[in-house]
PDB file of all heavy atoms in Angstrom:
ATOM      1  N   HIS A   1      -4.780-143.529-108.519  1.00  0.00           N
ATOM      2  CA  HIS A   1      -4.661-144.926-108.958  1.00  0.00           C
ATOM      3  C   HIS A   1      -3.232-145.130-109.442  1.00  0.00           C
ATOM      4  O   HIS A   1      -2.723-144.327-110.225  1.00  0.00           O
ATOM      5  CB  HIS A   1      -5.605-145.224-110.130  1.00  0.00           C
ATOM      6  CG  HIS A   1      -7.035-145.288-109.751  1.00  0.00           C
ATOM      7  ND1 HIS A   1      -7.773-146.431-109.849  1.00  0.00           N
ATOM      8  CD2 HIS A   1      -7.888-144.337-109.252  1.00  0.00           C
ATOM      9  CE1 HIS A   1      -9.015-146.192-109.447  1.00  0.00           C
ATOM     10  NE2 HIS A   1      -9.100-144.927-109.086  1.00  0.00           N
ATOM     11  N   LEU A   2      -2.608-146.213-108.999  1.00  0.00           N
ATOM     12  CA  LEU A   2      -1.285-146.590-109.471  1.00  0.00           C
ATOM     13  C   LEU A   2      -1.428-147.930-110.159  1.00  0.00           C
ATOM     14  O   LEU A   2      -1.987-148.870-109.587  1.00  0.00           O
ATOM     15  CB  LEU A   2      -0.285-146.699-108.324  1.00  0.00           C
ATOM     16  CG  LEU A   2      -0.068-145.453-107.463  1.00  0.00           C
ATOM     17  CD1 LEU A   2       0.870-145.757-106.315  1.00  0.00           C
ATOM     18  CD2 LEU A   2       0.493-144.318-108.299  1.00  0.00           C
ATOM     19  N   ILE A   3      -0.929-148.022-111.409  1.00  0.00           N
ATOM     20  CA  ILE A   3      -1.016-149.274-112.152  1.00  0.00           C
ATOM     21  C   ILE A   3       0.405-149.670-112.541  1.00  0.00           C
ATOM     22  O   ILE A   3       1.121-148.893-113.177  1.00  0.00           O
ATOM     23  CB  ILE A   3      -1.908-149.119-113.399  1.00  0.00           C
ATOM     24  CG1 ILE A   3      -3.299-148.641-112.966  1.00  0.00           C
ATOM     25  CG2 ILE A   3      -1.995-150.429-114.166  1.00  0.00           C
ATOM     26  CD1 ILE A   3      -4.083-147.965-114.049  1.00  0.00           C
ATOM     27  N   PHE A   4       0.803-150.860-112.120  1.00  0.00           N
ATOM     28  CA  PHE A   4       2.145-151.359-112.396  1.00  0.00           C
ATOM     29  C   PHE A   4       2.054-152.471-113.420  1.00  0.00           C
ATOM     30  O   PHE A   4       1.283-153.408-113.256  1.00  0.00           O
ATOM     31  CB  PHE A   4       2.789-151.871-111.099  1.00  0.00           C
ATOM     32  CG  PHE A   4       2.947-150.799-110.066  1.00  0.00           C
ATOM     33  CD1 PHE A   4       1.922-150.539-109.150  1.00  0.00           C
ATOM     34  CD2 PHE A   4       4.091-150.029-110.009  1.00  0.00           C
ATOM     35  CE1 PHE A   4       2.051-149.534-108.206  1.00  0.00           C
ATOM     36  CE2 PHE A   4       4.227-149.025-109.065  1.00  0.00           C
ATOM     37  CZ  PHE A   4       3.205-148.770-108.161  1.00  0.00           C
ATOM     38  N   PHE A   5       2.845-152.359-114.505  1.00  0.00           N
ATOM     39  CA  PHE A   5       2.842-153.345-115.579  1.00  0.00           C
ATOM     40  C   PHE A   5       4.046-154.275-115.423  1.00  0.00           C
ATOM     41  O   PHE A   5       5.084-153.868-114.886  1.00  0.00           O
ATOM     42  CB  PHE A   5       2.868-152.640-116.933  1.00  0.00           C
ATOM     43  CG  PHE A   5       1.659-151.773-117.163  1.00  0.00           C
ATOM     44  CD1 PHE A   5       1.652-150.437-116.766  1.00  0.00           C
ATOM     45  CD2 PHE A   5       0.519-152.290-117.754  1.00  0.00           C
ATOM     46  CE1 PHE A   5       0.536-149.645-116.961  1.00  0.00           C
ATOM     47  CE2 PHE A   5      -0.604-151.497-117.959  1.00  0.00           C
ATOM     48  CZ  PHE A   5      -0.597-150.172-117.554  1.00  0.00           C
ATOM     49  N   PRO A   6       3.955-155.495-115.914  1.00  0.00           N
ATOM     50  CA  PRO A   6       5.038-156.473-115.763  1.00  0.00           C
ATOM     51  C   PRO A   6       6.376-156.034-116.361  1.00  0.00           C
ATOM     52  O   PRO A   6       7.422-156.436-115.879  1.00  0.00           O
ATOM     53  CB  PRO A   6       4.517-157.719-116.487  1.00  0.00           C
ATOM     54  CG  PRO A   6       3.051-157.551-116.563  1.00  0.00           C
ATOM     55  CD  PRO A   6       2.785-156.075-116.575  1.00  0.00           C
ATOM     56  N   ASN A   7       6.351-155.184-117.392  1.00  0.00           N
ATOM     57  CA  ASN A   7       7.603-154.776-118.047  1.00  0.00           C
ATOM     58  C   ASN A   7       8.332-153.653-117.299  1.00  0.00           C
ATOM     59  O   ASN A   7       9.361-153.174-117.742  1.00  0.00           O
ATOM     60  CB  ASN A   7       7.346-154.357-119.500  1.00  0.00           C
ATOM     61  CG  ASN A   7       6.551-153.071-119.616  1.00  0.00           C
ATOM     62  OD1 ASN A   7       6.097-152.495-118.632  1.00  0.00           O
ATOM     63  ND2 ASN A   7       6.376-152.623-120.856  1.00  0.00           N
ATOM     64  N   GLY A   8       7.775-153.186-116.164  1.00  0.00           N
ATOM     65  CA  GLY A   8       8.423-152.129-115.383  1.00  0.00           C
ATOM     66  C   GLY A   8       7.799-150.754-115.595  1.00  0.00           C
ATOM     67  O   GLY A   8       8.101-149.811-114.874  1.00  0.00           O
ATOM     68  N   THR A   9       6.927-150.616-116.569  1.00  0.00           N
ATOM     69  CA  THR A   9       6.209-149.357-116.786  1.00  0.00           C
ATOM     70  C   THR A   9       5.142-149.223-115.705  1.00  0.00           C
ATOM     71  O   THR A   9       4.566-150.206-115.270  1.00  0.00           O
ATOM     72  CB  THR A   9       5.547-149.365-118.184  1.00  0.00           C
ATOM     73  OG1 THR A   9       6.579-149.400-119.168  1.00  0.00           O
ATOM     74  CG2 THR A   9       4.680-148.134-118.413  1.00  0.00           C
ATOM     75  N   TRP A  10       4.913-147.989-115.252  1.00  0.00           N
ATOM     76  CA  TRP A  10       3.820-147.773-114.311  1.00  0.00           C
ATOM     77  C   TRP A  10       3.109-146.465-114.611  1.00  0.00           C
ATOM     78  O   TRP A  10       3.669-145.561-115.209  1.00  0.00           O
ATOM     79  CB  TRP A  10       4.278-147.860-112.852  1.00  0.00           C
ATOM     80  CG  TRP A  10       5.289-146.838-112.409  1.00  0.00           C
ATOM     81  CD1 TRP A  10       6.624-146.837-112.649  1.00  0.00           C
ATOM     82  CD2 TRP A  10       5.023-145.676-111.620  1.00  0.00           C
ATOM     83  NE1 TRP A  10       7.219-145.746-112.068  1.00  0.00           N
ATOM     84  CE2 TRP A  10       6.249-145.017-111.426  1.00  0.00           C
ATOM     85  CE3 TRP A  10       3.883-145.126-111.059  1.00  0.00           C
ATOM     86  CZ2 TRP A  10       6.371-143.844-110.697  1.00  0.00           C
ATOM     87  CZ3 TRP A  10       3.996-143.955-110.321  1.00  0.00           C
ATOM     88  CH2 TRP A  10       5.230-143.331-110.152  1.00  0.00           C
ATOM     89  N   LYS A  11       1.851-146.422-114.224  1.00  0.00           N
ATOM     90  CA  LYS A  11       0.971-145.294-114.554  1.00  0.00           C
ATOM     91  C   LYS A  11       0.324-144.791-113.277  1.00  0.00           C
ATOM     92  O   LYS A  11      -0.129-145.570-112.439  1.00  0.00           O
ATOM     93  CB  LYS A  11      -0.097-145.787-115.531  1.00  0.00           C
ATOM     94  CG  LYS A  11      -1.126-144.770-115.952  1.00  0.00           C
ATOM     95  CD  LYS A  11      -2.065-145.437-116.978  1.00  0.00           C
ATOM     96  CE  LYS A  11      -3.127-144.512-117.486  1.00  0.00           C
ATOM     97  NZ  LYS A  11      -3.971-145.162-118.506  1.00  0.00           N
ATOM     98  N   LYS A  12       0.303-143.460-113.150  1.00  0.00           N
ATOM     99  CA  LYS A  12      -0.363-142.828-112.005  1.00  0.00           C
ATOM    100  C   LYS A  12      -1.471-141.943-112.545  1.00  0.00           C
ATOM    101  O   LYS A  12      -1.229-141.063-113.371  1.00  0.00           O
ATOM    102  CB  LYS A  12       0.620-141.994-111.188  1.00  0.00           C
ATOM    103  CG  LYS A  12      -0.034-141.260-110.029  1.00  0.00           C
ATOM    104  CD  LYS A  12       0.975-140.408-109.269  1.00  0.00           C
ATOM    105  CE  LYS A  12       0.303-139.674-108.118  1.00  0.00           C
ATOM    106  NZ  LYS A  12       1.255-138.816-107.395  1.00  0.00           N
ATOM    107  N   VAL A  13      -2.690-142.192-112.094  1.00  0.00           N
ATOM    108  CA  VAL A  13      -3.829-141.353-112.454  1.00  0.00           C
ATOM    109  C   VAL A  13      -4.162-140.551-111.204  1.00  0.00           C
ATOM    110  O   VAL A  13      -4.464-141.115-110.154  1.00  0.00           O
ATOM    111  CB  VAL A  13      -5.038-142.195-112.914  1.00  0.00           C
ATOM    112  CG1 VAL A  13      -6.212-141.290-113.269  1.00  0.00           C
ATOM    113  CG2 VAL A  13      -4.660-143.068-114.099  1.00  0.00           C
ATOM    114  N   GLY A  14      -4.094-139.226-111.319  1.00  0.00           N
ATOM    115  CA  GLY A  14      -4.343-138.359-110.176  1.00  0.00           C
ATOM    116  C   GLY A  14      -5.777-138.477-109.682  1.00  0.00           C
ATOM    117  O   GLY A  14      -6.661-138.978-110.381  1.00  0.00           O
ATOM    118  N   SER A  15      -6.001-137.987-108.480  1.00  0.00           N
ATOM    119  CA  SER A  15      -7.333-138.074-107.874  1.00  0.00           C
ATOM    120  C   SER A  15      -8.380-137.310-108.682  1.00  0.00           C
ATOM    121  O   SER A  15      -9.568-137.610-108.600  1.00  0.00           O
ATOM    122  CB  SER A  15      -7.295-137.562-106.432  1.00  0.00           C
ATOM    123  OG  SER A  15      -6.769-136.245-106.413  1.00  0.00           O
ATOM    124  N   ASP A  16      -7.940-136.346-109.516  1.00  0.00           N
ATOM    125  CA  ASP A  16      -8.873-135.606-110.375  1.00  0.00           C
ATOM    126  C   ASP A  16      -9.272-136.422-111.610  1.00  0.00           C
ATOM    127  O   ASP A  16     -10.178-136.045-112.346  1.00  0.00           O
ATOM    128  CB  ASP A  16      -8.272-134.267-110.814  1.00  0.00           C
ATOM    129  CG  ASP A  16      -6.993-134.407-111.640  1.00  0.00           C
ATOM    130  OD1 ASP A  16      -6.575-135.552-111.943  1.00  0.00           O
ATOM    131  OD2 ASP A  16      -6.409-133.370-111.982  1.00  0.00           O
ATOM    132  N   GLY A  17      -8.572-137.533-111.857  1.00  0.00           N
ATOM    133  CA  GLY A  17      -8.857-138.378-113.016  1.00  0.00           C
ATOM    134  C   GLY A  17      -8.355-137.804-114.323  1.00  0.00           C
ATOM    135  O   GLY A  17      -8.486-138.431-115.374  1.00  0.00           O
ATOM    136  N   LYS A  18      -7.774-136.609-114.282  1.00  0.00           N
ATOM    137  CA  LYS A  18      -7.325-135.935-115.500  1.00  0.00           C
ATOM    138  C   LYS A  18      -5.810-135.822-115.601  1.00  0.00           C
ATOM    139  O   LYS A  18      -5.280-135.633-116.685  1.00  0.00           O
ATOM    140  CB  LYS A  18      -7.933-134.526-115.569  1.00  0.00           C
ATOM    141  CG  LYS A  18      -9.438-134.522-115.696  1.00  0.00           C
ATOM    142  CD  LYS A  18      -9.962-133.096-115.707  1.00  0.00           C
ATOM    143  CE  LYS A  18     -11.484-133.073-115.797  1.00  0.00           C
ATOM    144  NZ  LYS A  18     -12.008-131.712-115.697  1.00  0.00           N
ATOM    145  N   THR A  19      -5.133-135.896-114.470  1.00  0.00           N
ATOM    146  CA  THR A  19      -3.683-135.795-114.465  1.00  0.00           C
ATOM    147  C   THR A  19      -3.123-137.207-114.501  1.00  0.00           C
ATOM    148  O   THR A  19      -3.356-137.997-113.585  1.00  0.00           O
ATOM    149  CB  THR A  19      -3.187-135.051-113.212  1.00  0.00           C
ATOM    150  OG1 THR A  19      -3.849-133.789-113.129  1.00  0.00           O
ATOM    151  CG2 THR A  19      -1.687-134.830-113.254  1.00  0.00           C
ATOM    152  N   ILE A  20      -2.397-137.508-115.583  1.00  0.00           N
ATOM    153  CA  ILE A  20      -1.894-138.863-115.771  1.00  0.00           C
ATOM    154  C   ILE A  20      -0.380-138.794-115.990  1.00  0.00           C
ATOM    155  O   ILE A  20       0.100-137.983-116.782  1.00  0.00           O
ATOM    156  CB  ILE A  20      -2.569-139.542-116.985  1.00  0.00           C
ATOM    157  CG1 ILE A  20      -4.082-139.614-116.762  1.00  0.00           C
ATOM    158  CG2 ILE A  20      -1.981-140.920-117.244  1.00  0.00           C
ATOM    159  CD1 ILE A  20      -4.876-139.969-118.007  1.00  0.00           C
ATOM    160  N   THR A  21       0.353-139.642-115.275  1.00  0.00           N
ATOM    161  CA  THR A  21       1.790-139.750-115.469  1.00  0.00           C
ATOM    162  C   THR A  21       2.116-141.206-115.756  1.00  0.00           C
ATOM    163  O   THR A  21       1.727-142.086-114.983  1.00  0.00           O
ATOM    164  CB  THR A  21       2.562-139.280-114.215  1.00  0.00           C
ATOM    165  OG1 THR A  21       2.180-137.936-113.918  1.00  0.00           O
ATOM    166  CG2 THR A  21       4.070-139.333-114.440  1.00  0.00           C
ATOM    167  N   ILE A  22       2.821-141.437-116.862  1.00  0.00           N
ATOM    168  CA  ILE A  22       3.260-142.785-117.210  1.00  0.00           C
ATOM    169  C   ILE A  22       4.780-142.777-117.206  1.00  0.00           C
ATOM    170  O   ILE A  22       5.405-141.977-117.901  1.00  0.00           O
ATOM    171  CB  ILE A  22       2.737-143.223-118.598  1.00  0.00           C
ATOM    172  CG1 ILE A  22       1.215-143.152-118.639  1.00  0.00           C
ATOM    173  CG2 ILE A  22       3.236-144.642-118.922  1.00  0.00           C
ATOM    174  CD1 ILE A  22       0.626-143.298-120.023  1.00  0.00           C
ATOM    175  N   THR A  23       5.367-143.629-116.384  1.00  0.00           N
ATOM    176  CA  THR A  23       6.815-143.773-116.343  1.00  0.00           C
ATOM    177  C   THR A  23       7.146-145.095-117.020  1.00  0.00           C
ATOM    178  O   THR A  23       6.776-146.157-116.518  1.00  0.00           O
ATOM    179  CB  THR A  23       7.328-143.732-114.893  1.00  0.00           C
ATOM    180  OG1 THR A  23       6.877-142.521-114.286  1.00  0.00           O
ATOM    181  CG2 THR A  23       8.856-143.784-114.848  1.00  0.00           C
ATOM    182  N   PHE A  24       7.813-145.003-118.162  1.00  0.00           N
ATOM    183  CA  PHE A  24       8.115-146.186-118.963  1.00  0.00           C
ATOM    184  C   PHE A  24       9.362-146.897-118.450  1.00  0.00           C
ATOM    185  O   PHE A  24      10.209-146.291-117.803  1.00  0.00           O
ATOM    186  CB  PHE A  24       8.284-145.801-120.430  1.00  0.00           C
ATOM    187  CG  PHE A  24       7.017-145.265-121.046  1.00  0.00           C
ATOM    188  CD1 PHE A  24       6.764-143.900-121.075  1.00  0.00           C
ATOM    189  CD2 PHE A  24       6.071-146.124-121.578  1.00  0.00           C
ATOM    190  CE1 PHE A  24       5.593-143.403-121.634  1.00  0.00           C
ATOM    191  CE2 PHE A  24       4.895-145.640-122.140  1.00  0.00           C
ATOM    192  CZ  PHE A  24       4.652-144.269-122.161  1.00  0.00           C
ATOM    193  N   PHE A  25       9.471-148.156-118.785  1.00  0.00           N
ATOM    194  CA  PHE A  25      10.595-148.984-118.342  1.00  0.00           C
ATOM    195  C   PHE A  25      11.939-148.447-118.799  1.00  0.00           C
ATOM    196  O   PHE A  25      12.957-148.671-118.171  1.00  0.00           O
ATOM    197  CB  PHE A  25      10.416-150.442-118.823  1.00  0.00           C
ATOM    198  CG  PHE A  25      10.428-150.589-120.305  1.00  0.00           C
ATOM    199  CD1 PHE A  25      11.604-150.811-120.993  1.00  0.00           C
ATOM    200  CD2 PHE A  25       9.243-150.496-121.033  1.00  0.00           C
ATOM    201  CE1 PHE A  25      11.614-150.942-122.372  1.00  0.00           C
ATOM    202  CE2 PHE A  25       9.244-150.635-122.408  1.00  0.00           C
ATOM    203  CZ  PHE A  25      10.434-150.852-123.080  1.00  0.00           C
ATOM    204  N   ASN A  26      11.980-147.681-119.911  1.00  0.00           N
ATOM    205  CA  ASN A  26      13.240-147.138-120.430  1.00  0.00           C
ATOM    206  C   ASN A  26      13.600-145.787-119.813  1.00  0.00           C
ATOM    207  O   ASN A  26      14.573-145.170-120.205  1.00  0.00           O
ATOM    208  CB  ASN A  26      13.183-147.024-121.954  1.00  0.00           C
ATOM    209  CG  ASN A  26      12.148-146.024-122.433  1.00  0.00           C
ATOM    210  OD1 ASN A  26      11.398-145.451-121.651  1.00  0.00           O
ATOM    211  ND2 ASN A  26      12.108-145.828-123.741  1.00  0.00           N
ATOM    212  N   GLY A  27      12.780-145.284-118.878  1.00  0.00           N
ATOM    213  CA  GLY A  27      13.056-144.001-118.224  1.00  0.00           C
ATOM    214  C   GLY A  27      12.276-142.840-118.811  1.00  0.00           C
ATOM    215  O   GLY A  27      12.251-141.757-118.225  1.00  0.00           O
ATOM    216  N   ASP A  28      11.637-143.029-119.972  1.00  0.00           N
ATOM    217  CA  ASP A  28      10.805-141.965-120.535  1.00  0.00           C
ATOM    218  C   ASP A  28       9.625-141.705-119.605  1.00  0.00           C
ATOM    219  O   ASP A  28       9.154-142.623-118.917  1.00  0.00           O
ATOM    220  CB  ASP A  28      10.252-142.356-121.909  1.00  0.00           C
ATOM    221  CG  ASP A  28      11.307-142.378-123.007  1.00  0.00           C
ATOM    222  OD1 ASP A  28      12.503-142.170-122.714  1.00  0.00           O
ATOM    223  OD2 ASP A  28      10.930-142.614-124.172  1.00  0.00           O
ATOM    224  N   VAL A  29       9.143-140.458-119.574  1.00  0.00           N
ATOM    225  CA  VAL A  29       7.998-140.097-118.745  1.00  0.00           C
ATOM    226  C   VAL A  29       7.024-139.267-119.578  1.00  0.00           C
ATOM    227  O   VAL A  29       7.412-138.299-120.221  1.00  0.00           O
ATOM    228  CB  VAL A  29       8.425-139.275-117.498  1.00  0.00           C
ATOM    229  CG1 VAL A  29       7.218-138.887-116.657  1.00  0.00           C
ATOM    230  CG2 VAL A  29       9.429-140.051-116.657  1.00  0.00           C
ATOM    231  N   LYS A  30       5.758-139.681-119.565  1.00  0.00           N
ATOM    232  CA  LYS A  30       4.710-138.941-120.266  1.00  0.00           C
ATOM    233  C   LYS A  30       3.716-138.446-119.232  1.00  0.00           C
ATOM    234  O   LYS A  30       3.219-139.216-118.408  1.00  0.00           O
ATOM    235  CB  LYS A  30       4.002-139.848-121.269  1.00  0.00           C
ATOM    236  CG  LYS A  30       2.858-139.168-122.010  1.00  0.00           C
ATOM    237  CD  LYS A  30       2.184-140.131-122.982  1.00  0.00           C
ATOM    238  CE  LYS A  30       1.035-139.481-123.723  1.00  0.00           C
ATOM    239  NZ  LYS A  30       0.408-140.429-124.670  1.00  0.00           N
ATOM    240  N   GLN A  31       3.436-137.132-119.283  1.00  0.00           N
ATOM    241  CA  GLN A  31       2.443-136.540-118.385  1.00  0.00           C
ATOM    242  C   GLN A  31       1.333-135.930-119.219  1.00  0.00           C
ATOM    243  O   GLN A  31       1.607-135.233-120.203  1.00  0.00           O
ATOM    244  CB  GLN A  31       3.063-135.444-117.520  1.00  0.00           C
ATOM    245  CG  GLN A  31       4.085-135.947-116.526  1.00  0.00           C
ATOM    246  CD  GLN A  31       4.671-134.778-115.759  1.00  0.00           C
ATOM    247  OE1 GLN A  31       5.461-134.013-116.290  1.00  0.00           O
ATOM    248  NE2 GLN A  31       4.275-134.656-114.509  1.00  0.00           N
ATOM    249  N   VAL A  32       0.092-136.184-118.823  1.00  0.00           N
ATOM    250  CA  VAL A  32      -1.053-135.533-119.441  1.00  0.00           C
ATOM    251  C   VAL A  32      -1.685-134.679-118.347  1.00  0.00           C
ATOM    252  O   VAL A  32      -2.041-135.186-117.286  1.00  0.00           O
ATOM    253  CB  VAL A  32      -2.070-136.560-119.996  1.00  0.00           C
ATOM    254  CG1 VAL A  32      -3.256-135.839-120.629  1.00  0.00           C
ATOM    255  CG2 VAL A  32      -1.404-137.488-121.000  1.00  0.00           C
ATOM    256  N   MET A  33      -1.782-133.374-118.626  1.00  0.00           N
ATOM    257  CA  MET A  33      -2.300-132.441-117.636  1.00  0.00           C
ATOM    258  C   MET A  33      -3.814-132.264-117.824  1.00  0.00           C
ATOM    259  O   MET A  33      -4.356-132.591-118.878  1.00  0.00           O
ATOM    260  CB  MET A  33      -1.579-131.093-117.766  1.00  0.00           C
ATOM    261  CG  MET A  33      -0.051-131.207-117.776  1.00  0.00           C
ATOM    262  SD  MET A  33       0.628-132.177-116.427  1.00  0.00           S
ATOM    263  CE  MET A  33       0.668-130.955-115.154  1.00  0.00           C
TER     264      MET A  33
END
């Protein structure tokens, strides 16, 4: 699943539903394994 927010942040939820990557508009990246 790819979710794009109006402020430029986007979130990717892996096919396993457990791996999540959020790329913030300021360039920060958060990954949950």
